[in-house]
Amino acid sequence: MKISWLDQFLSPHNYLPFIFYFPSNGDENNVERSRQLQNSLSETLTIFYPLAGRYTDNNLIIHCHDEGVEYTEAQPDNSPLVLIQSNIFESGGVAIGLCVTHRAADAYTVFTFVRTWATASLSKLKAAVCSSVNGSHQPTRVEVVTAVMWKTLAMVARSKHGRSRPSLLSHTFNMRAKIAMPVPDNSCGNFINVALSHFTEDDGSKVQLHDFVDRVCNGIKKMVSDCAKVSSDDELFVMAEKIRIESIKAFTRSEMDLYMFNSWC
């Protein structure tokens, strides 16, 4: 399976690390619980079969030969795409550590993988709460929290420099179900872009929280609108490249601050 240009250019060559903690309820059978985790993991990997393969950097290919993931406390070898460590404490609590190579998956893919695994293991899982954006809406919790942090950072920068500094906010954006192309919601790989929001020198008098909320919401709404117009690979590349260039320019400008945000919601 050849990885896409999104996987090549928009994802760093590293692992996405996660640790999931589960409290003890006092009646755990550690042997049975470990067996259940491994069995449900095997079921989940039949759905996310690319993650059980191996990545070859030379020809940008994931070999889907079902070699499996690393589920052990030992030092892994042979460059697995997924590493998992299950820790069972004397108290009965459990902590599961997970690393997934960014070459094969973005955060949404990892989240979907974990959710599917948990569903197979526990038979039920509360539905994930995802932020949705439409024409006229109340801001989501993610948008509000992002705006609060952005406002705070902007005020710190103004206090430090004695004037308002322009800034660019970059928020990771999941393009699944947003573009006019048949992409499955549970598709594996990196299918992300960023929604950009601007705070300019002319915005120095508009520094209330609702002003920053509006900027965040408008940036996400624009990204939703732009994605809805994408119906081909070429249009997708042009849109992604335009945003990448704008982000790089902002990152290299000493007079502009760049803030990067992400959320699983």
Protein backbone atom coordinates (compact mmCIF):
# COMPACT_ATOMS: atom_id res chain seq x y z
CA MET A 1 0.00 0.00 0.00
CA LYS A 2 1.60 3.26 -1.12
CA ILE A 3 1.17 6.14 1.31
CA SER A 4 -0.40 9.35 0.03
CA TRP A 5 1.29 12.72 -0.43
CA LEU A 6 -0.62 13.87 2.66
CA ASP A 7 1.15 11.14 4.64
CA GLN A 8 4.50 12.12 3.09
CA PHE A 9 4.43 15.89 3.48
CA LEU A 10 1.99 16.72 6.29
CA SER A 11 3.07 14.18 8.91
CA PRO A 12 6.35 14.07 10.85
CA HIS A 13 8.36 10.84 10.90
CA ASN A 14 7.63 9.95 14.52
CA TYR A 15 5.18 8.11 16.78
CA LEU A 16 2.02 9.51 18.37
CA PRO A 17 2.27 8.55 22.07
CA PHE A 18 -0.77 7.87 24.27
CA ILE A 19 -1.36 6.37 27.73
CA PHE A 20 -4.83 5.25 28.86
CA TYR A 21 -5.43 4.72 32.60
CA PHE A 22 -8.20 2.49 33.97
CA PRO A 23 -9.04 2.36 37.70
CA SER A 24 -9.46 -0.88 39.60
CA ASN A 25 -12.95 -2.03 40.58
CA GLY A 26 -11.61 -4.66 43.00
CA ASP A 27 -12.56 -7.87 41.21
CA GLU A 28 -10.16 -8.01 38.26
CA ASN A 29 -8.70 -11.20 36.90
CA ASN A 30 -5.44 -9.93 35.42
CA VAL A 31 -4.77 -13.01 33.34
CA GLU A 32 -8.25 -12.96 31.83
CA ARG A 33 -8.12 -9.19 31.28
CA SER A 34 -4.78 -9.45 29.47
CA ARG A 35 -6.16 -12.23 27.28
CA GLN A 36 -9.25 -10.18 26.47
CA LEU A 37 -7.15 -7.15 25.52
CA GLN A 38 -5.01 -9.19 23.17
CA ASN A 39 -7.97 -11.00 21.58
CA SER A 40 -9.89 -7.78 21.03
CA LEU A 41 -6.74 -6.15 19.65
CA SER A 42 -6.44 -8.95 17.11
CA GLU A 43 -10.07 -8.38 16.07
CA THR A 44 -9.45 -4.65 15.71
CA LEU A 45 -6.33 -5.14 13.60
CA THR A 46 -8.32 -7.12 11.04
CA ILE A 47 -10.21 -3.86 10.41
CA PHE A 48 -7.16 -1.56 10.63
CA TYR A 49 -4.96 -4.03 8.76
CA PRO A 50 -2.41 -1.44 7.46
CA LEU A 51 -1.34 -0.81 11.08
CA ALA A 52 -0.25 -4.45 11.34
CA GLY A 53 2.15 -3.99 8.43
CA ARG A 54 5.59 -2.45 8.09
CA TYR A 55 6.62 0.84 6.51
CA THR A 56 9.44 1.05 3.97
CA ASP A 57 10.80 4.59 3.74
CA ASN A 58 12.73 4.02 0.52
CA ASN A 59 9.68 3.43 -1.65
CA LEU A 60 7.03 5.02 0.61
CA ILE A 61 5.07 1.79 0.95
CA ILE A 62 3.32 0.04 3.85
CA HIS A 63 3.60 -3.71 3.38
CA CYS A 64 0.28 -5.15 4.61
CA HIS A 65 1.58 -8.63 5.39
CA ASP A 66 -0.08 -8.94 8.82
CA GLU A 67 3.20 -9.01 10.75
CA GLY A 68 1.38 -7.58 13.75
CA VAL A 69 1.95 -4.80 16.27
CA GLU A 70 4.35 -4.75 19.21
CA TYR A 71 2.48 -5.72 22.38
CA THR A 72 5.23 -6.22 24.93
CA GLU A 73 7.28 -4.59 27.66
CA ALA A 74 10.50 -5.49 25.86
CA GLN A 75 12.42 -3.17 23.54
CA PRO A 76 10.75 -3.55 20.11
CA ASP A 77 12.62 -4.25 16.90
CA ASN A 78 11.88 -4.50 13.17
CA SER A 79 10.26 -1.04 13.19
CA PRO A 80 6.63 -1.90 14.02
CA LEU A 81 4.04 0.75 13.16
CA VAL A 82 2.27 0.31 16.50
CA LEU A 83 3.76 -0.25 19.96
CA ILE A 84 1.55 -1.14 22.94
CA GLN A 85 2.48 -1.66 26.58
CA SER A 86 -0.03 -2.95 29.09
CA ASN A 87 0.76 -2.21 32.75
CA ILE A 88 -1.25 -3.97 35.48
CA PHE A 89 -0.65 -2.54 38.97
CA GLU A 90 -0.87 -4.37 42.28
CA SER A 91 -3.97 -2.34 43.10
CA GLY A 92 -5.71 -3.81 40.05
CA GLY A 93 -5.56 -0.62 38.00
CA VAL A 94 -4.39 -0.71 34.41
CA ALA A 95 -2.43 1.73 32.25
CA ILE A 96 -2.10 1.07 28.51
CA GLY A 97 0.65 2.88 26.63
CA LEU A 98 0.27 3.26 22.87
CA CYS A 99 2.56 4.66 20.17
CA VAL A 100 1.54 4.78 16.50
CA THR A 101 3.88 5.98 13.77
CA HIS A 102 2.72 9.25 12.26
CA ARG A 103 3.65 7.94 8.81
CA ALA A 104 0.70 5.57 8.94
CA ALA A 105 -1.89 7.47 10.95
CA ASP A 106 -2.97 10.89 12.15
CA ALA A 107 -4.57 11.58 15.53
CA TYR A 108 -8.05 10.89 14.20
CA THR A 109 -6.98 7.51 12.84
CA VAL A 110 -5.42 6.63 16.20
CA PHE A 111 -8.53 7.76 18.04
CA THR A 112 -10.75 5.66 15.76
CA PHE A 113 -8.41 2.69 16.19
CA VAL A 114 -8.52 2.97 19.99
CA ARG A 115 -12.29 3.44 19.99
CA THR A 116 -12.77 0.34 17.84
CA TRP A 117 -10.41 -1.65 20.06
CA ALA A 118 -12.23 -0.52 23.20
CA THR A 119 -15.58 -1.43 21.67
CA ALA A 120 -14.33 -4.92 20.81
CA SER A 121 -12.84 -5.35 24.29
CA LEU A 122 -15.60 -3.88 26.45
CA SER A 123 -18.60 -4.45 24.13
CA LYS A 124 -19.79 -0.90 24.66
CA LEU A 125 -18.31 2.57 24.56
CA LYS A 126 -19.79 5.96 25.05
CA ALA A 127 -20.14 7.80 21.76
CA ALA A 128 -17.35 10.28 21.18
CA VAL A 129 -18.49 13.87 21.24
CA CYS A 130 -17.36 15.64 18.08
CA SER A 131 -17.58 19.34 17.38
CA SER A 132 -19.69 20.22 14.34
CA VAL A 133 -19.68 23.48 12.49
CA ASN A 134 -22.60 24.89 10.55
CA GLY A 135 -23.80 28.23 9.24
CA SER A 136 -25.00 29.92 12.45
CA HIS A 137 -24.08 28.06 15.57
CA GLN A 138 -23.18 28.51 19.18
CA PRO A 139 -19.42 28.08 19.62
CA THR A 140 -18.34 24.64 20.68
CA ARG A 141 -16.37 24.00 23.84
CA VAL A 142 -13.26 23.40 21.75
CA GLU A 143 -13.66 26.73 19.99
CA VAL A 144 -14.21 28.57 23.27
CA VAL A 145 -11.24 26.92 25.04
CA THR A 146 -9.04 27.59 22.01
CA ALA A 147 -10.13 31.23 22.01
CA VAL A 148 -9.42 31.61 25.74
CA MET A 149 -5.87 30.30 25.32
CA TRP A 150 -5.28 32.38 22.18
CA LYS A 151 -6.51 35.56 23.91
CA THR A 152 -4.24 34.86 26.89
CA LEU A 153 -1.21 34.31 24.67
CA ALA A 154 -1.98 37.46 22.68
CA MET A 155 -2.24 39.52 25.88
CA VAL A 156 1.04 38.08 27.18
CA ALA A 157 2.70 39.03 23.89
CA ARG A 158 1.29 42.56 24.08
CA SER A 159 2.54 42.96 27.64
CA LYS A 160 5.97 41.67 26.67
CA HIS A 161 6.41 43.83 23.55
CA GLY A 162 4.41 46.89 24.61
CA ARG A 163 2.06 46.59 21.62
CA SER A 164 -0.28 44.13 20.01
CA ARG A 165 1.55 41.56 17.90
CA PRO A 166 -0.12 39.91 14.92
CA SER A 167 -0.57 36.18 15.30
CA LEU A 168 -1.77 33.23 13.30
CA LEU A 169 -3.69 30.41 14.93
CA SER A 170 -3.43 27.00 13.30
CA HIS A 171 -5.98 24.38 14.36
CA THR A 172 -5.69 20.82 13.10
CA PHE A 173 -8.72 19.99 10.98
CA ASN A 174 -10.05 16.54 10.10
CA MET A 175 -11.08 16.59 6.43
CA ARG A 176 -13.00 13.31 6.55
CA ALA A 177 -16.64 13.84 5.58
CA LYS A 178 -15.84 17.50 4.83
CA ILE A 179 -14.65 17.28 1.22
CA ALA A 180 -16.71 16.43 -1.86
CA MET A 181 -14.79 13.18 -2.37
CA PRO A 182 -15.78 9.65 -1.29
CA VAL A 183 -13.52 9.26 1.74
CA PRO A 184 -14.73 6.86 4.48
CA ASP A 185 -15.08 8.34 7.97
CA ASN A 186 -12.84 5.57 9.34
CA SER A 187 -10.20 5.85 6.62
CA CYS A 188 -6.65 5.15 7.81
CA GLY A 189 -3.77 7.53 7.20
CA ASN A 190 -3.21 11.28 7.43
CA PHE A 191 -6.26 13.09 6.09
CA ILE A 192 -5.82 16.35 7.96
CA ASN A 193 -5.22 19.99 7.23
CA VAL A 194 -5.26 23.12 9.37
CA ALA A 195 -7.84 25.85 9.82
CA LEU A 196 -6.16 29.26 10.04
CA SER A 197 -7.37 32.27 12.03
CA HIS A 198 -5.72 35.70 12.03
CA PHE A 199 -5.13 38.37 14.66
CA THR A 200 -3.77 41.45 12.88
CA GLU A 201 -2.30 44.74 14.05
CA ASP A 202 -5.63 46.41 13.18
CA ASP A 203 -7.39 44.09 15.65
CA GLY A 204 -5.68 45.67 18.66
CA SER A 205 -8.95 47.13 19.94
CA LYS A 206 -10.88 43.88 19.46
CA VAL A 207 -9.44 41.76 22.24
CA GLN A 208 -12.51 40.59 24.11
CA LEU A 209 -13.09 36.87 24.41
CA HIS A 210 -15.98 36.92 21.95
CA ASP A 211 -13.69 38.57 19.39
CA PHE A 212 -11.25 35.67 19.59
CA VAL A 213 -14.13 33.17 19.55
CA ASP A 214 -15.38 34.79 16.32
CA ARG A 215 -11.90 34.51 14.78
CA VAL A 216 -11.61 30.83 15.66
CA CYS A 217 -15.13 30.05 14.42
CA ASN A 218 -14.61 32.00 11.19
CA GLY A 219 -11.35 30.18 10.48
CA ILE A 220 -12.99 26.79 10.95
CA LYS A 221 -16.06 27.80 8.92
CA LYS A 222 -13.81 28.92 6.07
CA MET A 223 -11.98 25.60 6.14
CA VAL A 224 -15.30 23.73 6.08
CA SER A 225 -16.41 25.86 3.12
CA ASP A 226 -13.11 25.36 1.26
CA CYS A 227 -13.20 21.60 1.82
CA ALA A 228 -16.75 21.38 0.47
CA LYS A 229 -15.45 22.69 -2.88
CA VAL A 230 -12.75 20.02 -3.19
CA SER A 231 -13.80 17.24 -5.55
CA SER A 232 -10.48 15.99 -6.96
CA ASP A 233 -6.95 15.10 -5.87
CA ASP A 234 -5.56 18.15 -7.70
CA GLU A 235 -7.90 20.54 -5.90
CA LEU A 236 -7.04 18.91 -2.59
CA PHE A 237 -3.32 19.33 -3.24
CA VAL A 238 -3.72 23.01 -4.24
CA MET A 239 -5.70 23.76 -1.06
CA ALA A 240 -3.28 21.92 1.23
CA GLU A 241 -0.22 23.47 -0.40
CA LYS A 242 -1.67 26.99 -0.12
CA ILE A 243 -2.25 26.54 3.61
CA ARG A 244 1.17 24.95 4.11
CA ILE A 245 2.93 27.90 2.43
CA GLU A 246 0.95 30.42 4.47
CA SER A 247 1.83 28.58 7.70
CA ILE A 248 5.53 28.43 6.79
CA LYS A 249 5.60 32.17 6.02
CA ALA A 250 4.00 32.94 9.37
CA PHE A 251 6.43 30.62 11.15
CA THR A 252 9.45 32.37 9.64
CA ARG A 253 8.24 35.93 10.31
CA SER A 254 9.82 37.25 13.48
CA GLU A 255 7.12 39.91 13.91
CA MET A 256 4.27 37.37 13.91
CA ASP A 257 3.45 34.70 16.50
CA LEU A 258 2.22 31.29 15.42
CA TYR A 259 0.05 29.21 17.76
CA MET A 260 -0.75 25.59 16.88
CA PHE A 261 -3.71 23.80 18.43
CA ASN A 262 -5.15 20.31 18.20
CA SER A 263 -8.15 18.50 19.63
CA TRP A 264 -9.65 15.03 19.54
CA CYS A 265 -13.17 16.40 19.92
